[in-house]
Amino acid sequence: MATERHNKFQNAVQAVAPEQLLPNAIDHIAKNDPGRLYAEIPLSPMTFNAGFRSVSYADLANAVNGMAWWIHRALGSSSTCEPMCYMGPNDLTRNLVLLGNCKAGYSNLMMTPRFNAIAHDNFIKNCNCNKIIMPQGPESADESIIALYDKVLRAPTFEELFSEEFSQFTFEKSFREVKTKPLVILHTSSTTGFPKPIIWTHVYVAGYGKERRLNPPKGFESTDRLMLGGKLICSFPPAHAGPTWVTLLFTVYCGSTMVYLLPGMLPTVSMLVDCVQHKKVDALMLVPPQIEELAIDSEALQIISQNGETMFYAGGDVTIAAGDTISSKMKLVTTCGSTEQGFWHTIHPTGPWNSKI
């Protein structure tokens, strides 16, 4: 698996330059390597038993074009990178909206429904955001939050976006023109007051792509290479920075492939177990509570360790006892970083894996 990961990573590095704007990079891959696999998504929101849809870069680029045309028809294009909010589950719609917004001239504001209406109102006013796109189906936020927006749009379904061939929606901006413009607006955790905006510009994304491609010093290996180029699961909330890193930057610029969890419910350990029994993966990106739960569920840990090589976690601490239990079964890696800075490089000595380092 390591050799296959490495080859996919190297192919991605050669295929796309870090300063190639994200939507244009996807179009470039779709043109030159249309069958390259981007993601595998569950056909049902509630069970993996219905199977998965394989999404190639040709499929992804076409669906993004469809989303961009839909936004353009609904609102027109923006020349100011006007922020547009998205709230919904951590499924592929999130990225289709983000990329479609970018092509149509908007930036994407990722907001969580867990904030109350007062905090939410303060945040979107600070960002000058008064429009929101939400998925069809059950509401993903309280009515008091949805009522804060002047315009509420319901995104097209997967069936609509994947069943039709759309004409190209060209993102004609150059890197120089938009490098300091926002691509996505995330938020702080609000532990010390109202949530504050954290803006990722196009130059941030380019810098992150370059940084991920750096080679480690002689005699060391980067822990990144345990996931870049491989099949990944990410259980982070959709408004967290993690899904943007993992499902867009790790895939497009570094050759990874996403295996999506079920969007119809919150991710649980039992869902993770069910998922890896359907799709083996190279790595799982999990939140600390899931690590703690796995450490006391020997059967679940056994199944995941047999169907995945490495477990990464971020966003908090894991107890030493839980870490020791997990690392006795599979590689466990702490992912250090912040929304503002990104993931920091961590390295380990070349040679057999040492779980005590």
Protein backbone atom coordinates (compact mmCIF):
# COMPACT_ATOMS: atom_id res chain seq x y z
CA MET A 1 0.00 0.00 0.00
CA ALA A 2 2.88 2.37 0.76
CA THR A 3 4.27 2.08 -2.77
CA GLU A 4 0.87 2.67 -4.34
CA ARG A 5 0.31 5.70 -2.09
CA HIS A 6 3.70 7.11 -3.00
CA ASN A 7 3.08 6.68 -6.72
CA LYS A 8 -0.31 8.42 -6.54
CA PHE A 9 1.20 11.23 -4.51
CA GLN A 10 4.04 11.72 -7.00
CA ASN A 11 1.65 11.62 -9.95
CA ALA A 12 -0.50 14.31 -8.32
CA VAL A 13 2.55 16.47 -7.62
CA GLN A 14 3.54 16.27 -11.29
CA ALA A 15 -0.01 16.84 -12.56
CA VAL A 16 -0.93 20.04 -10.74
CA ALA A 17 1.16 23.04 -9.73
CA PRO A 18 0.41 24.46 -6.26
CA GLU A 19 -0.35 27.87 -7.78
CA GLN A 20 -2.96 26.38 -10.07
CA LEU A 21 -6.23 27.73 -8.64
CA LEU A 22 -8.29 25.01 -7.02
CA PRO A 23 -11.25 24.90 -9.46
CA ASN A 24 -8.86 25.15 -12.41
CA ALA A 25 -6.70 22.36 -10.99
CA ILE A 26 -9.78 20.12 -10.90
CA ASP A 27 -10.65 21.03 -14.49
CA HIS A 28 -7.04 20.32 -15.50
CA ILE A 29 -7.12 16.85 -13.95
CA ALA A 30 -10.54 16.17 -15.47
CA LYS A 31 -9.15 16.98 -18.92
CA ASN A 32 -5.84 15.14 -18.65
CA ASP A 33 -6.70 12.24 -16.34
CA PRO A 34 -10.52 12.09 -16.34
CA GLY A 35 -10.76 8.65 -14.77
CA ARG A 36 -8.65 9.50 -11.72
CA LEU A 37 -10.71 8.66 -8.67
CA TYR A 38 -11.65 11.56 -6.41
CA ALA A 39 -14.06 9.95 -3.95
CA GLU A 40 -16.36 7.09 -3.14
CA ILE A 41 -19.67 8.25 -1.69
CA PRO A 42 -22.49 6.18 -0.14
CA LEU A 43 -25.53 5.78 -2.38
CA SER A 44 -27.77 5.94 0.70
CA PRO A 45 -27.55 8.57 3.47
CA MET A 46 -28.36 5.95 6.11
CA THR A 47 -26.57 2.70 5.17
CA PHE A 48 -23.44 1.52 3.40
CA ASN A 49 -25.26 -1.63 2.25
CA ALA A 50 -26.66 0.24 -0.77
CA GLY A 51 -23.13 0.54 -2.12
CA PHE A 52 -20.98 3.46 -3.20
CA ARG A 53 -20.80 5.79 -6.16
CA SER A 54 -17.30 6.22 -7.59
CA VAL A 55 -16.69 9.88 -8.40
CA SER A 56 -13.94 10.54 -10.94
CA TYR A 57 -12.40 13.94 -11.56
CA ALA A 58 -14.46 14.13 -14.74
CA ASP A 59 -17.58 13.58 -12.61
CA LEU A 60 -16.41 16.10 -10.03
CA ALA A 61 -15.59 18.82 -12.58
CA ASN A 62 -18.93 18.34 -14.32
CA ALA A 63 -20.88 18.53 -11.04
CA VAL A 64 -18.98 21.69 -10.05
CA ASN A 65 -19.91 23.22 -13.41
CA GLY A 66 -23.53 22.30 -12.74
CA MET A 67 -23.41 23.90 -9.29
CA ALA A 68 -21.72 27.05 -10.64
CA TRP A 69 -24.36 27.45 -13.37
CA TRP A 70 -27.12 26.92 -10.80
CA ILE A 71 -25.64 29.64 -8.55
CA HIS A 72 -25.20 31.94 -11.54
CA ARG A 73 -28.83 31.48 -12.59
CA ALA A 74 -30.10 31.99 -9.04
CA LEU A 75 -28.01 35.01 -8.05
CA GLY A 76 -25.82 36.06 -10.93
CA SER A 77 -22.05 36.10 -10.61
CA SER A 78 -20.19 38.20 -8.05
CA SER A 79 -17.24 40.45 -8.84
CA THR A 80 -16.45 41.10 -5.17
CA CYS A 81 -15.99 37.59 -3.70
CA GLU A 82 -19.19 38.15 -1.73
CA PRO A 83 -19.42 35.49 1.02
CA MET A 84 -22.11 32.85 0.71
CA CYS A 85 -22.82 30.62 3.70
CA TYR A 86 -23.19 26.85 3.50
CA MET A 87 -24.54 24.62 6.26
CA GLY A 88 -25.11 20.94 5.80
CA PRO A 89 -23.67 17.49 6.46
CA ASN A 90 -20.10 16.52 5.65
CA ASP A 91 -20.91 15.05 2.25
CA LEU A 92 -19.78 15.94 -1.26
CA THR A 93 -22.36 18.75 -1.54
CA ARG A 94 -20.13 20.81 0.75
CA ASN A 95 -17.27 20.83 -1.75
CA LEU A 96 -19.52 21.21 -4.79
CA VAL A 97 -20.98 24.37 -3.23
CA LEU A 98 -17.54 25.67 -2.23
CA LEU A 99 -16.11 25.15 -5.72
CA GLY A 100 -19.26 26.31 -7.49
CA ASN A 101 -19.27 29.49 -5.42
CA CYS A 102 -15.64 30.11 -6.34
CA LYS A 103 -16.32 29.74 -10.06
CA ALA A 104 -19.31 32.07 -9.80
CA GLY A 105 -17.19 34.70 -8.05
CA TYR A 106 -18.31 34.12 -4.45
CA SER A 107 -16.34 33.04 -1.40
CA ASN A 108 -17.66 30.29 0.81
CA LEU A 109 -18.49 30.81 4.48
CA MET A 110 -18.54 27.53 6.43
CA MET A 111 -20.74 27.88 9.49
CA THR A 112 -21.79 25.40 12.15
CA PRO A 113 -25.41 25.11 13.36
CA ARG A 114 -24.22 24.54 16.93
CA PHE A 115 -23.84 28.29 17.58
CA ASN A 116 -26.95 30.02 18.88
CA ALA A 117 -28.75 32.63 16.79
CA ILE A 118 -27.06 35.56 18.59
CA ALA A 119 -23.54 34.26 17.92
CA HIS A 120 -24.50 33.28 14.40
CA ASP A 121 -25.95 36.71 13.66
CA ASN A 122 -22.84 38.45 14.98
CA PHE A 123 -20.59 36.28 12.81
CA ILE A 124 -22.42 36.66 9.50
CA LYS A 125 -22.76 40.43 10.03
CA ASN A 126 -19.00 40.67 10.59
CA CYS A 127 -18.54 38.79 7.31
CA ASN A 128 -21.20 40.80 5.44
CA CYS A 129 -22.99 37.58 4.55
CA ASN A 130 -26.76 37.54 3.99
CA LYS A 131 -27.24 34.51 1.72
CA ILE A 132 -27.09 30.81 2.50
CA ILE A 133 -27.11 27.59 0.52
CA MET A 134 -28.48 24.50 2.26
CA PRO A 135 -29.04 20.94 1.05
CA GLN A 136 -32.49 19.67 0.28
CA GLY A 137 -34.14 17.51 2.92
CA PRO A 138 -34.39 17.95 6.70
CA GLU A 139 -33.23 21.28 8.08
CA SER A 140 -29.61 21.25 9.22
CA ALA A 141 -30.07 24.32 11.44
CA ASP A 142 -32.67 25.85 13.74
CA GLU A 143 -35.33 28.08 12.16
CA SER A 144 -34.08 31.05 14.20
CA ILE A 145 -30.71 30.74 12.44
CA ILE A 146 -32.11 30.28 8.94
CA ALA A 147 -34.31 33.36 9.46
CA LEU A 148 -31.19 35.52 9.80
CA TYR A 149 -30.53 35.28 6.06
CA ASP A 150 -32.19 37.42 3.40
CA LYS A 151 -31.90 34.66 0.81
CA VAL A 152 -32.07 30.89 1.42
CA LEU A 153 -31.26 28.59 -1.51
CA ARG A 154 -31.62 24.80 -1.69
CA ALA A 155 -28.73 23.12 -3.48
CA PRO A 156 -29.32 20.68 -6.34
CA THR A 157 -29.21 16.99 -5.42
CA PHE A 158 -26.48 14.54 -6.39
CA GLU A 159 -28.90 12.95 -8.83
CA GLU A 160 -29.40 16.27 -10.60
CA LEU A 161 -25.70 17.06 -10.73
CA PHE A 162 -24.46 13.61 -11.72
CA SER A 163 -27.17 12.73 -14.24
CA GLU A 164 -26.63 15.66 -16.63
CA GLU A 165 -23.64 16.83 -18.64
CA PHE A 166 -23.08 20.55 -18.08
CA SER A 167 -21.24 23.04 -20.25
CA GLN A 168 -17.95 24.35 -18.96
CA PHE A 169 -18.17 27.19 -16.45
CA THR A 170 -14.75 28.76 -16.78
CA PHE A 171 -13.01 30.40 -13.85
CA GLU A 172 -11.05 32.94 -15.85
CA LYS A 173 -9.12 34.62 -13.04
CA SER A 174 -5.35 34.25 -12.83
CA PHE A 175 -3.51 33.39 -9.63
CA ARG A 176 -2.05 36.90 -9.53
CA GLU A 177 -5.53 38.44 -9.77
CA VAL A 178 -7.12 36.51 -6.91
CA LYS A 179 -4.27 35.28 -4.74
CA THR A 180 -5.24 37.57 -1.84
CA LYS A 181 -8.99 37.02 -2.28
CA PRO A 182 -10.90 34.67 0.03
CA LEU A 183 -11.68 31.14 -1.09
CA VAL A 184 -13.28 29.98 2.15
CA ILE A 185 -14.08 31.64 5.47
CA LEU A 186 -13.91 29.43 8.57
CA HIS A 187 -14.43 30.39 12.20
CA THR A 188 -12.74 30.19 15.58
CA SER A 189 -14.07 27.82 18.22
CA SER A 190 -15.78 30.67 20.15
CA THR A 191 -14.39 29.44 23.48
CA THR A 192 -13.42 33.03 24.39
CA GLY A 193 -16.40 34.90 22.96
CA PHE A 194 -18.23 35.20 19.68
CA PRO A 195 -16.77 33.17 16.78
CA LYS A 196 -14.38 35.17 14.63
CA PRO A 197 -13.68 34.70 10.91
CA ILE A 198 -10.54 32.94 9.67
CA ILE A 199 -10.03 33.61 5.97
CA TRP A 200 -8.25 31.20 3.67
CA THR A 201 -7.11 33.01 0.54
CA HIS A 202 -6.03 31.41 -2.71
CA VAL A 203 -2.40 32.11 -1.83
CA TYR A 204 -2.90 30.29 1.49
CA VAL A 205 -4.11 27.24 -0.41
CA ALA A 206 -1.14 27.45 -2.79
CA GLY A 207 1.28 27.75 0.12
CA TYR A 208 -0.32 24.81 1.84
CA GLY A 209 0.02 22.73 -1.32
CA LYS A 210 3.71 23.61 -1.55
CA GLU A 211 4.31 22.87 2.11
CA ARG A 212 2.73 19.41 1.94
CA ARG A 213 5.11 18.51 -0.88
CA LEU A 214 8.30 19.32 1.05
CA ASN A 215 10.62 16.37 1.53
CA PRO A 216 11.73 15.49 5.07
CA PRO A 217 15.40 15.68 6.15
CA LYS A 218 17.68 12.76 5.28
CA GLY A 219 17.08 9.82 7.58
CA PHE A 220 13.48 10.77 8.32
CA GLU A 221 10.03 10.20 6.84
CA SER A 222 7.04 12.52 6.94
CA THR A 223 3.96 11.20 8.70
CA ASP A 224 2.00 12.91 5.90
CA ARG A 225 3.08 10.16 3.55
CA LEU A 226 1.02 7.68 5.56
CA MET A 227 -2.08 9.30 4.08
CA LEU A 228 -1.16 11.43 1.05
CA GLY A 229 -1.95 9.42 -2.07
CA GLY A 230 -4.04 6.96 -0.07
CA LYS A 231 -7.71 6.31 0.63
CA LEU A 232 -8.93 8.41 3.55
CA ILE A 233 -11.89 8.73 5.91
CA CYS A 234 -12.47 12.08 7.63
CA SER A 235 -14.97 12.35 10.49
CA PHE A 236 -14.48 16.04 11.27
CA PRO A 237 -17.52 18.37 11.28
CA PRO A 238 -18.14 20.09 7.93
CA ALA A 239 -17.49 23.62 9.25
CA HIS A 240 -14.12 22.53 10.69
CA ALA A 241 -10.93 23.20 8.74
CA GLY A 242 -10.23 19.46 8.56
CA PRO A 243 -12.62 18.58 5.73
CA THR A 244 -11.24 21.40 3.56
CA TRP A 245 -7.68 20.20 4.09
CA VAL A 246 -8.42 16.53 3.70
CA THR A 247 -11.20 16.38 1.10
CA LEU A 248 -9.88 19.12 -1.20
CA LEU A 249 -6.18 19.88 -0.68
CA PHE A 250 -5.02 16.35 0.11
CA THR A 251 -6.99 15.00 -2.84
CA VAL A 252 -6.42 17.54 -5.62
CA TYR A 253 -2.82 18.48 -4.86
CA CYS A 254 -1.58 15.29 -3.19
CA GLY A 255 -3.44 12.41 -4.87
CA SER A 256 -5.54 11.09 -1.98
CA THR A 257 -9.02 9.61 -2.48
CA MET A 258 -11.90 10.20 -0.08
CA VAL A 259 -14.24 7.55 1.29
CA TYR A 260 -17.23 9.47 2.60
CA LEU A 261 -19.24 8.54 5.69
CA LEU A 262 -23.04 8.51 5.85
CA PRO A 263 -24.44 12.07 5.68
CA GLY A 264 -27.81 11.18 7.22
CA MET A 265 -26.48 10.91 10.78
CA LEU A 266 -23.57 12.07 12.91
CA PRO A 267 -20.42 9.93 12.58
CA THR A 268 -20.01 7.29 15.27
CA VAL A 269 -17.53 4.51 15.97
CA SER A 270 -20.06 1.95 14.74
CA MET A 271 -20.36 3.91 11.47
CA LEU A 272 -16.57 3.88 11.08
CA VAL A 273 -16.49 0.13 11.64
CA ASP A 274 -19.26 -0.40 9.12
CA CYS A 275 -17.53 1.82 6.58
CA VAL A 276 -14.12 0.12 6.66
CA GLN A 277 -15.78 -3.27 6.32
CA HIS A 278 -17.12 -2.03 2.98
CA LYS A 279 -14.06 -0.01 1.95
CA LYS A 280 -10.53 -0.60 3.19
CA VAL A 281 -8.60 2.63 3.71
CA ASP A 282 -5.05 3.77 4.30
CA ALA A 283 -5.87 6.25 7.05
CA LEU A 284 -8.66 7.65 9.19
CA MET A 285 -8.79 11.27 10.38
CA LEU A 286 -10.77 11.23 13.62
CA VAL A 287 -11.73 13.50 16.50
CA PRO A 288 -10.38 12.66 20.00
CA PRO A 289 -13.67 11.34 21.48
CA GLN A 290 -13.76 8.68 18.77
CA ILE A 291 -10.20 7.65 19.66
CA GLU A 292 -11.19 7.32 23.30
CA GLU A 293 -14.26 5.24 22.43
CA LEU A 294 -12.30 2.94 20.14
CA ALA A 295 -9.74 2.35 22.88
CA ILE A 296 -12.40 0.71 25.08
CA ASP A 297 -14.12 -1.18 22.26
CA SER A 298 -11.68 -3.97 21.43
CA GLU A 299 -13.90 -5.52 18.75
CA ALA A 300 -14.32 -2.22 16.89
CA LEU A 301 -10.60 -1.45 17.15
CA GLN A 302 -9.72 -4.90 15.84
CA ILE A 303 -11.92 -4.44 12.75
CA ILE A 304 -10.59 -0.96 12.02
CA SER A 305 -6.96 -2.02 12.48
CA GLN A 306 -7.51 -4.85 10.00
CA ASN A 307 -8.96 -2.48 7.41
CA GLY A 308 -6.84 0.63 7.92
CA GLU A 309 -3.14 1.26 8.47
CA THR A 310 -2.96 4.59 10.31
CA MET A 311 -5.21 6.62 12.58
CA PHE A 312 -4.71 10.39 12.79
CA TYR A 313 -6.42 12.67 15.27
CA ALA A 314 -6.63 16.42 15.80
CA GLY A 315 -8.64 19.00 17.70
CA GLY A 316 -7.84 17.94 21.26
CA ASP A 317 -5.97 15.60 23.57
CA VAL A 318 -6.12 11.83 23.83
CA THR A 319 -5.35 10.08 27.12
CA ILE A 320 -2.11 8.12 27.36
CA ALA A 321 -4.08 4.94 28.08
CA ALA A 322 -6.20 5.35 24.95
CA GLY A 323 -3.16 6.20 22.84
CA ASP A 324 -1.27 3.14 24.07
CA THR A 325 -4.23 0.88 23.31
CA ILE A 326 -4.69 2.21 19.77
CA SER A 327 -0.97 2.22 18.96
CA SER A 328 -0.69 -1.43 20.02
CA LYS A 329 -2.94 -2.29 17.06
CA MET A 330 -2.09 0.29 14.38
CA LYS A 331 -0.11 3.45 13.72
CA LEU A 332 -1.45 6.41 15.70
CA VAL A 333 -0.36 9.94 14.78
CA THR A 334 -1.07 13.22 16.52
CA THR A 335 -1.88 15.90 13.95
CA CYS A 336 -0.74 19.24 15.33
CA GLY A 337 -1.88 22.47 13.77
CA SER A 338 -4.42 25.24 13.74
CA THR A 339 -7.03 26.63 11.37
CA GLU A 340 -4.84 29.71 10.84
CA GLN A 341 -1.60 27.82 10.18
CA GLY A 342 -2.62 24.43 8.85
CA PHE A 343 -1.12 21.09 9.84
CA TRP A 344 2.47 21.20 11.01
CA HIS A 345 4.92 18.75 9.54
CA THR A 346 5.81 15.85 11.82
CA ILE A 347 8.54 13.36 11.00
CA HIS A 348 9.79 10.00 12.23
CA PRO A 349 13.09 8.15 11.70
CA THR A 350 13.35 6.03 8.57
CA GLY A 351 12.91 2.35 9.37
CA PRO A 352 10.43 0.25 11.34
CA TRP A 353 7.59 2.20 12.95
CA ASN A 354 8.22 3.05 16.62
CA SER A 355 4.94 3.72 18.41
CA LYS A 356 6.74 5.22 21.41
CA ILE A 357 8.12 8.23 19.53
